[in-house]
């Protein structure tokens, strides 16, 4: 199964002990699902993960977060985007996630921000949207 993890899933996995976001990340690291990544999502993740104030309450040090991110990147498949669909999400900055999912033939976008993704003008019927908790529930039932 191919998935795009939104940045908020990676951040959530690094901020909270346990939880669905961490479980989804674990599935990726154990090669149970195939995460895909592209230039824009990589740049966004790298930027957000470098924000010290965001991780003030994290139990992970900066070095540990970098090591975990590197481990995640080692199992991702790099997908170039040759065409942008511009699905017109409420947050224009999230359009690249849909472009990546379509280009990489992803089955799911896993995000905690379903509200913005659910209202895209251009629909892709084969692409499903799920929060980390919803994805884990679907994963257990398969």
N, C-alpha and C. Protein backbone atom coordinates (compact mmCIF):
# COMPACT_ATOMS: atom_id res chain seq x y z
N UNK A 1 0.85 -1.17 0.00
CA UNK A 1 0.00 0.00 0.00
C UNK A 1 0.90 1.24 0.00
N UNK A 2 0.60 2.18 -0.87
CA UNK A 2 1.39 3.40 -1.01
C UNK A 2 0.68 4.55 -0.30
N UNK A 3 1.45 5.30 0.49
CA UNK A 3 0.87 6.38 1.28
C UNK A 3 1.72 7.64 1.18
N UNK A 4 1.05 8.77 1.31
CA UNK A 4 1.72 10.05 1.50
C UNK A 4 1.40 10.47 2.93
N UNK A 5 2.44 10.67 3.73
CA UNK A 5 2.24 11.17 5.07
C UNK A 5 2.40 12.67 5.05
N UNK A 6 1.37 13.36 5.47
CA UNK A 6 1.45 14.81 5.58
C UNK A 6 2.44 15.15 6.70
N UNK A 7 3.01 16.32 6.64
CA UNK A 7 4.00 16.74 7.63
C UNK A 7 3.46 16.64 9.05
N UNK A 8 2.17 16.92 9.23
CA UNK A 8 1.62 16.88 10.59
C UNK A 8 1.64 15.48 11.20
N UNK A 9 1.71 14.45 10.39
CA UNK A 9 1.82 13.08 10.90
C UNK A 9 3.22 12.85 11.46
N UNK A 10 4.24 13.28 10.73
CA UNK A 10 5.63 13.14 11.19
C UNK A 10 5.83 13.95 12.47
N UNK A 11 5.32 15.18 12.49
CA UNK A 11 5.45 16.03 13.69
C UNK A 11 4.73 15.37 14.87
N UNK A 12 3.52 14.90 14.65
CA UNK A 12 2.77 14.25 15.72
C UNK A 12 3.48 13.03 16.27
N UNK A 13 4.10 12.26 15.39
CA UNK A 13 4.84 11.07 15.81
C UNK A 13 6.03 11.44 16.68
N UNK A 14 6.61 12.60 16.44
CA UNK A 14 7.78 13.02 17.21
C UNK A 14 7.43 13.76 18.49
N UNK A 15 6.21 14.27 18.57
CA UNK A 15 5.81 15.03 19.75
C UNK A 15 5.13 14.19 20.82
N UNK A 16 4.45 13.13 20.42
CA UNK A 16 3.64 12.36 21.37
C UNK A 16 4.16 10.94 21.53
N UNK A 17 4.09 10.46 22.75
CA UNK A 17 4.39 9.05 23.00
C UNK A 17 3.22 8.23 22.49
N UNK A 18 3.52 7.14 21.83
CA UNK A 18 2.45 6.29 21.33
C UNK A 18 1.60 7.03 20.32
N UNK A 19 0.34 6.70 20.25
CA UNK A 19 -0.58 7.38 19.37
C UNK A 19 -0.56 6.86 17.94
N UNK A 20 -1.59 7.25 17.22
CA UNK A 20 -1.78 6.76 15.85
C UNK A 20 -0.72 7.26 14.89
N UNK A 21 -0.30 8.51 15.04
CA UNK A 21 0.73 9.04 14.12
C UNK A 21 2.01 8.23 14.24
N UNK A 22 2.39 7.91 15.46
CA UNK A 22 3.60 7.11 15.67
C UNK A 22 3.41 5.70 15.11
N UNK A 23 2.22 5.15 15.23
CA UNK A 23 1.94 3.81 14.70
C UNK A 23 2.05 3.81 13.17
N UNK A 24 1.56 4.85 12.53
CA UNK A 24 1.67 4.94 11.07
C UNK A 24 3.13 5.06 10.66
N UNK A 25 3.88 5.89 11.36
CA UNK A 25 5.31 6.02 11.06
C UNK A 25 6.02 4.68 11.25
N UNK A 26 5.65 3.95 12.29
CA UNK A 26 6.24 2.64 12.54
C UNK A 26 5.95 1.69 11.37
N UNK A 27 4.72 1.72 10.83
CA UNK A 27 4.40 0.88 9.67
C UNK A 27 5.32 1.19 8.49
N UNK A 28 5.60 2.47 8.31
CA UNK A 28 6.51 2.87 7.23
C UNK A 28 7.91 2.33 7.48
N UNK A 29 8.41 2.51 8.70
CA UNK A 29 9.77 2.09 9.02
C UNK A 29 9.93 0.57 8.96
N UNK A 30 8.85 -0.16 9.19
CA UNK A 30 8.89 -1.62 9.13
C UNK A 30 8.54 -2.16 7.74
N UNK A 31 8.42 -1.26 6.77
CA UNK A 31 8.12 -1.62 5.38
C UNK A 31 6.78 -2.35 5.23
N UNK A 32 5.85 -2.05 6.10
CA UNK A 32 4.49 -2.59 5.98
C UNK A 32 3.68 -1.79 4.97
N UNK A 33 3.98 -0.51 4.86
CA UNK A 33 3.40 0.36 3.84
C UNK A 33 4.55 1.10 3.16
N UNK A 34 4.32 1.56 1.95
CA UNK A 34 5.35 2.27 1.19
C UNK A 34 5.06 3.76 1.19
N UNK A 35 5.81 4.55 1.97
CA UNK A 35 5.62 6.00 1.93
C UNK A 35 6.30 6.58 0.69
N UNK A 36 5.69 7.61 0.14
CA UNK A 36 6.31 8.30 -0.99
C UNK A 36 6.54 9.75 -0.60
N UNK A 37 7.53 10.36 -1.24
CA UNK A 37 7.88 11.75 -0.94
C UNK A 37 8.38 12.41 -2.21
N UNK A 38 8.24 13.72 -2.26
CA UNK A 38 8.71 14.52 -3.38
C UNK A 38 9.42 15.75 -2.86
N UNK A 39 9.87 16.57 -3.77
CA UNK A 39 10.67 17.74 -3.42
C UNK A 39 9.94 18.67 -2.45
N UNK A 40 8.70 19.05 -2.77
CA UNK A 40 7.99 20.02 -1.94
C UNK A 40 7.70 19.48 -0.55
N UNK A 41 7.28 18.23 -0.46
CA UNK A 41 6.98 17.65 0.85
C UNK A 41 8.26 17.48 1.66
N UNK A 42 9.34 17.06 1.03
CA UNK A 42 10.62 16.95 1.72
C UNK A 42 11.03 18.30 2.29
N UNK A 43 10.96 19.34 1.48
CA UNK A 43 11.36 20.68 1.92
C UNK A 43 10.49 21.16 3.08
N UNK A 44 9.19 20.90 2.99
CA UNK A 44 8.28 21.29 4.06
C UNK A 44 8.61 20.56 5.35
N UNK A 45 8.82 19.25 5.26
CA UNK A 45 9.16 18.47 6.46
C UNK A 45 10.47 18.94 7.07
N UNK A 46 11.46 19.13 6.23
CA UNK A 46 12.77 19.57 6.72
C UNK A 46 12.65 20.92 7.44
N UNK A 47 11.86 21.83 6.87
CA UNK A 47 11.67 23.14 7.48
C UNK A 47 10.96 23.03 8.83
N UNK A 48 9.86 22.32 8.86
CA UNK A 48 9.08 22.20 10.09
C UNK A 48 9.86 21.49 11.18
N UNK A 49 10.59 20.44 10.82
CA UNK A 49 11.35 19.69 11.81
C UNK A 49 12.53 20.47 12.38
N UNK A 50 12.91 21.55 11.73
CA UNK A 50 14.01 22.37 12.24
C UNK A 50 13.55 23.46 13.21
N UNK A 51 12.26 23.58 13.43
CA UNK A 51 11.70 24.63 14.31
C UNK A 51 11.80 24.20 15.78
N UNK A 52 12.81 24.70 16.43
CA UNK A 52 13.07 24.31 17.83
C UNK A 52 11.90 24.62 18.75
N UNK A 53 11.24 25.75 18.54
CA UNK A 53 10.13 26.13 19.42
C UNK A 53 8.97 25.15 19.32
N UNK A 54 8.77 24.54 18.18
CA UNK A 54 7.70 23.57 17.99
C UNK A 54 7.95 22.30 18.80
N UNK A 55 9.22 21.97 18.97
CA UNK A 55 9.58 20.72 19.64
C UNK A 55 10.09 20.92 21.07
N UNK A 56 9.78 22.04 21.64
CA UNK A 56 10.22 22.33 23.00
C UNK A 56 9.77 21.26 23.99
N UNK A 57 8.57 20.73 23.80
CA UNK A 57 8.02 19.73 24.72
C UNK A 57 8.28 18.29 24.27
N UNK A 58 9.01 18.12 23.19
CA UNK A 58 9.29 16.78 22.68
C UNK A 58 10.32 16.10 23.57
N UNK A 59 10.15 14.80 23.75
CA UNK A 59 11.14 14.02 24.49
C UNK A 59 12.36 13.72 23.63
N UNK A 60 12.22 13.91 22.32
CA UNK A 60 13.32 13.64 21.40
C UNK A 60 14.20 14.88 21.25
N UNK A 61 15.49 14.67 21.27
CA UNK A 61 16.42 15.78 21.02
C UNK A 61 16.42 16.10 19.53
N UNK A 62 17.05 17.21 19.19
CA UNK A 62 17.16 17.58 17.78
C UNK A 62 17.88 16.46 16.99
N UNK A 63 18.94 15.93 17.56
CA UNK A 63 19.69 14.86 16.88
C UNK A 63 18.84 13.61 16.71
N UNK A 64 18.04 13.27 17.71
CA UNK A 64 17.16 12.10 17.61
C UNK A 64 16.07 12.32 16.57
N UNK A 65 15.54 13.54 16.49
CA UNK A 65 14.53 13.85 15.46
C UNK A 65 15.14 13.74 14.07
N UNK A 66 16.35 14.22 13.91
CA UNK A 66 17.03 14.13 12.62
C UNK A 66 17.30 12.68 12.24
N UNK A 67 17.69 11.88 13.22
CA UNK A 67 17.95 10.46 12.96
C UNK A 67 16.66 9.74 12.56
N UNK A 68 15.57 10.04 13.24
CA UNK A 68 14.28 9.43 12.91
C UNK A 68 13.82 9.87 11.52
N UNK A 69 14.00 11.15 11.21
CA UNK A 69 13.63 11.65 9.88
C UNK A 69 14.49 10.97 8.80
N UNK A 70 15.77 10.80 9.06
CA UNK A 70 16.65 10.12 8.11
C UNK A 70 16.20 8.67 7.91
N UNK A 71 15.81 8.02 8.99
CA UNK A 71 15.32 6.64 8.88
C UNK A 71 14.05 6.60 8.03
N UNK A 72 13.15 7.55 8.25
CA UNK A 72 11.94 7.65 7.45
C UNK A 72 12.29 7.84 5.97
N UNK A 73 13.20 8.76 5.70
CA UNK A 73 13.59 9.03 4.31
C UNK A 73 14.21 7.80 3.65
N UNK A 74 14.89 6.98 4.44
CA UNK A 74 15.54 5.80 3.87
C UNK A 74 14.54 4.76 3.36
N UNK A 75 13.31 4.82 3.82
CA UNK A 75 12.31 3.86 3.38
C UNK A 75 11.29 4.47 2.41
N UNK A 76 11.41 5.76 2.16
CA UNK A 76 10.47 6.39 1.24
C UNK A 76 10.90 6.18 -0.20
N UNK A 77 9.93 6.26 -1.08
CA UNK A 77 10.22 6.24 -2.51
C UNK A 77 10.09 7.66 -3.02
N UNK A 78 11.13 8.12 -3.68
CA UNK A 78 11.15 9.47 -4.22
C UNK A 78 10.32 9.49 -5.50
N UNK A 79 9.37 10.42 -5.58
CA UNK A 79 8.48 10.51 -6.73
C UNK A 79 8.59 11.91 -7.34
N UNK A 80 9.06 12.01 -8.57
CA UNK A 80 9.08 13.32 -9.23
C UNK A 80 7.67 13.70 -9.68
N UNK A 81 7.38 14.97 -9.61
CA UNK A 81 6.08 15.47 -10.06
C UNK A 81 6.31 16.24 -11.36
N UNK A 82 5.69 15.75 -12.41
CA UNK A 82 5.84 16.38 -13.72
C UNK A 82 4.64 17.23 -14.10
N UNK A 83 3.56 17.06 -13.36
CA UNK A 83 2.33 17.78 -13.69
C UNK A 83 1.63 18.16 -12.39
N UNK A 84 1.21 19.41 -12.29
CA UNK A 84 0.49 19.84 -11.10
C UNK A 84 -1.00 19.95 -11.42
N UNK A 85 -1.79 19.31 -10.61
CA UNK A 85 -3.23 19.26 -10.83
C UNK A 85 -3.95 20.46 -10.25
N UNK A 86 -3.39 21.05 -9.23
CA UNK A 86 -3.99 22.20 -8.53
C UNK A 86 -5.44 21.88 -8.14
N UNK A 87 -5.62 21.02 -7.17
CA UNK A 87 -6.98 20.64 -6.77
C UNK A 87 -7.73 21.74 -6.00
N UNK A 88 -7.08 22.90 -5.84
CA UNK A 88 -7.71 24.06 -5.20
C UNK A 88 -8.19 23.77 -3.78
N UNK A 89 -7.25 23.36 -2.95
CA UNK A 89 -7.56 23.15 -1.54
C UNK A 89 -7.71 24.49 -0.84
N UNK A 90 -8.37 24.46 0.30
CA UNK A 90 -8.54 25.69 1.08
C UNK A 90 -7.20 26.33 1.40
N UNK A 91 -6.23 25.50 1.73
CA UNK A 91 -4.87 25.98 1.97
C UNK A 91 -4.03 25.66 0.73
N UNK A 92 -3.76 26.66 -0.05
CA UNK A 92 -3.01 26.49 -1.31
C UNK A 92 -1.70 25.74 -1.09
N UNK A 93 -1.09 25.90 0.07
CA UNK A 93 0.19 25.26 0.37
C UNK A 93 0.07 23.74 0.48
N UNK A 94 -1.14 23.20 0.55
CA UNK A 94 -1.33 21.76 0.64
C UNK A 94 -1.53 21.08 -0.72
N UNK A 95 -1.69 21.85 -1.77
CA UNK A 95 -1.92 21.27 -3.09
C UNK A 95 -0.81 20.31 -3.52
N UNK A 96 0.42 20.60 -3.10
CA UNK A 96 1.55 19.74 -3.50
C UNK A 96 1.40 18.32 -2.95
N UNK A 97 0.71 18.15 -1.83
CA UNK A 97 0.52 16.82 -1.25
C UNK A 97 -0.37 15.97 -2.17
N UNK A 98 -1.41 16.58 -2.70
CA UNK A 98 -2.29 15.87 -3.64
C UNK A 98 -1.55 15.59 -4.94
N UNK A 99 -0.80 16.57 -5.42
CA UNK A 99 -0.01 16.35 -6.64
C UNK A 99 0.93 15.15 -6.47
N UNK A 100 1.58 15.07 -5.33
CA UNK A 100 2.48 13.95 -5.04
C UNK A 100 1.72 12.63 -4.99
N UNK A 101 0.59 12.62 -4.30
CA UNK A 101 -0.20 11.39 -4.18
C UNK A 101 -0.65 10.88 -5.55
N UNK A 102 -1.07 11.78 -6.41
CA UNK A 102 -1.51 11.38 -7.75
C UNK A 102 -0.31 10.90 -8.58
N UNK A 103 0.78 11.66 -8.53
CA UNK A 103 1.98 11.28 -9.31
C UNK A 103 2.55 9.93 -8.85
N UNK A 104 2.45 9.66 -7.55
CA UNK A 104 3.01 8.44 -7.00
C UNK A 104 2.02 7.29 -6.90
N UNK A 105 0.81 7.50 -7.44
CA UNK A 105 -0.22 6.47 -7.40
C UNK A 105 -0.47 5.97 -5.97
N UNK A 106 -0.57 6.92 -5.05
CA UNK A 106 -0.79 6.58 -3.64
C UNK A 106 -2.22 6.10 -3.42
N UNK A 107 -2.36 5.23 -2.45
CA UNK A 107 -3.69 4.77 -2.05
C UNK A 107 -4.32 5.72 -1.04
N UNK A 108 -3.46 6.30 -0.18
CA UNK A 108 -3.95 7.16 0.90
C UNK A 108 -3.07 8.38 1.08
N UNK A 109 -3.71 9.47 1.46
CA UNK A 109 -3.03 10.61 2.08
C UNK A 109 -3.41 10.51 3.55
N UNK A 110 -2.40 10.39 4.40
CA UNK A 110 -2.65 10.32 5.84
C UNK A 110 -2.32 11.69 6.41
N UNK A 111 -3.33 12.33 6.99
CA UNK A 111 -3.20 13.70 7.50
C UNK A 111 -4.14 13.93 8.67
N UNK A 112 -3.76 14.83 9.53
CA UNK A 112 -4.66 15.24 10.60
C UNK A 112 -5.51 16.43 10.14
N UNK A 113 -5.29 16.87 8.94
CA UNK A 113 -5.94 18.06 8.39
C UNK A 113 -6.97 17.67 7.33
N UNK A 114 -7.84 16.75 7.67
CA UNK A 114 -8.84 16.26 6.71
C UNK A 114 -9.76 17.37 6.19
N UNK A 115 -10.06 18.32 7.03
CA UNK A 115 -11.02 19.36 6.65
C UNK A 115 -10.59 20.09 5.37
N UNK A 116 -9.33 20.47 5.30
CA UNK A 116 -8.86 21.19 4.11
C UNK A 116 -8.79 20.29 2.89
N UNK A 117 -8.37 19.04 3.07
CA UNK A 117 -8.24 18.13 1.93
C UNK A 117 -9.60 17.64 1.42
N UNK A 118 -10.57 17.53 2.29
CA UNK A 118 -11.87 16.99 1.91
C UNK A 118 -12.63 17.91 0.96
N UNK A 119 -12.26 19.16 0.90
CA UNK A 119 -13.01 20.12 0.08
C UNK A 119 -12.30 20.47 -1.23
N UNK A 120 -11.48 19.55 -1.74
CA UNK A 120 -10.80 19.87 -3.00
C UNK A 120 -11.79 19.86 -4.16
N UNK A 121 -11.62 20.80 -5.04
CA UNK A 121 -12.52 20.94 -6.19
C UNK A 121 -12.33 19.81 -7.19
N UNK A 122 -11.09 19.42 -7.40
CA UNK A 122 -10.78 18.35 -8.34
C UNK A 122 -10.66 17.05 -7.55
N UNK A 123 -11.49 16.09 -7.86
CA UNK A 123 -11.54 14.83 -7.10
C UNK A 123 -10.76 13.73 -7.82
N UNK A 124 -10.15 12.87 -7.04
CA UNK A 124 -9.43 11.70 -7.53
C UNK A 124 -10.02 10.49 -6.83
N UNK A 125 -10.97 9.81 -7.45
CA UNK A 125 -11.72 8.73 -6.78
C UNK A 125 -10.86 7.62 -6.20
N UNK A 126 -9.71 7.32 -6.79
CA UNK A 126 -8.87 6.23 -6.30
C UNK A 126 -8.08 6.63 -5.06
N UNK A 127 -7.99 7.92 -4.78
CA UNK A 127 -7.19 8.43 -3.67
C UNK A 127 -8.07 8.62 -2.44
N UNK A 128 -7.67 7.99 -1.34
CA UNK A 128 -8.45 8.07 -0.11
C UNK A 128 -7.72 8.95 0.90
N UNK A 129 -8.49 9.53 1.77
CA UNK A 129 -7.99 10.43 2.79
C UNK A 129 -8.29 9.82 4.15
N UNK A 130 -7.33 9.86 5.06
CA UNK A 130 -7.57 9.30 6.39
C UNK A 130 -6.70 10.01 7.43
N UNK A 131 -7.24 10.15 8.62
CA UNK A 131 -6.40 10.59 9.74
C UNK A 131 -5.53 9.40 10.12
N UNK A 132 -4.57 9.64 10.97
CA UNK A 132 -3.70 8.54 11.41
C UNK A 132 -4.53 7.47 12.12
N UNK A 133 -5.46 7.88 12.96
CA UNK A 133 -6.30 6.91 13.69
C UNK A 133 -7.18 6.12 12.73
N UNK A 134 -7.77 6.79 11.74
CA UNK A 134 -8.60 6.10 10.76
C UNK A 134 -7.76 5.11 9.95
N UNK A 135 -6.57 5.54 9.57
CA UNK A 135 -5.70 4.66 8.78
C UNK A 135 -5.33 3.42 9.58
N UNK A 136 -5.00 3.61 10.85
CA UNK A 136 -4.63 2.45 11.68
C UNK A 136 -5.81 1.51 11.86
N UNK A 137 -7.00 2.06 11.99
CA UNK A 137 -8.19 1.21 12.10
C UNK A 137 -8.40 0.40 10.81
N UNK A 138 -8.27 1.06 9.68
CA UNK A 138 -8.37 0.36 8.39
C UNK A 138 -7.27 -0.68 8.25
N UNK A 139 -6.09 -0.36 8.68
CA UNK A 139 -4.95 -1.28 8.59
C UNK A 139 -5.23 -2.55 9.40
N UNK A 140 -5.74 -2.38 10.59
CA UNK A 140 -6.02 -3.54 11.46
C UNK A 140 -7.12 -4.42 10.89
N UNK A 141 -8.06 -3.84 10.17
CA UNK A 141 -9.20 -4.60 9.63
C UNK A 141 -8.90 -5.29 8.31
N UNK A 142 -7.83 -4.96 7.68
CA UNK A 142 -7.55 -5.50 6.33
C UNK A 142 -7.30 -6.98 6.34
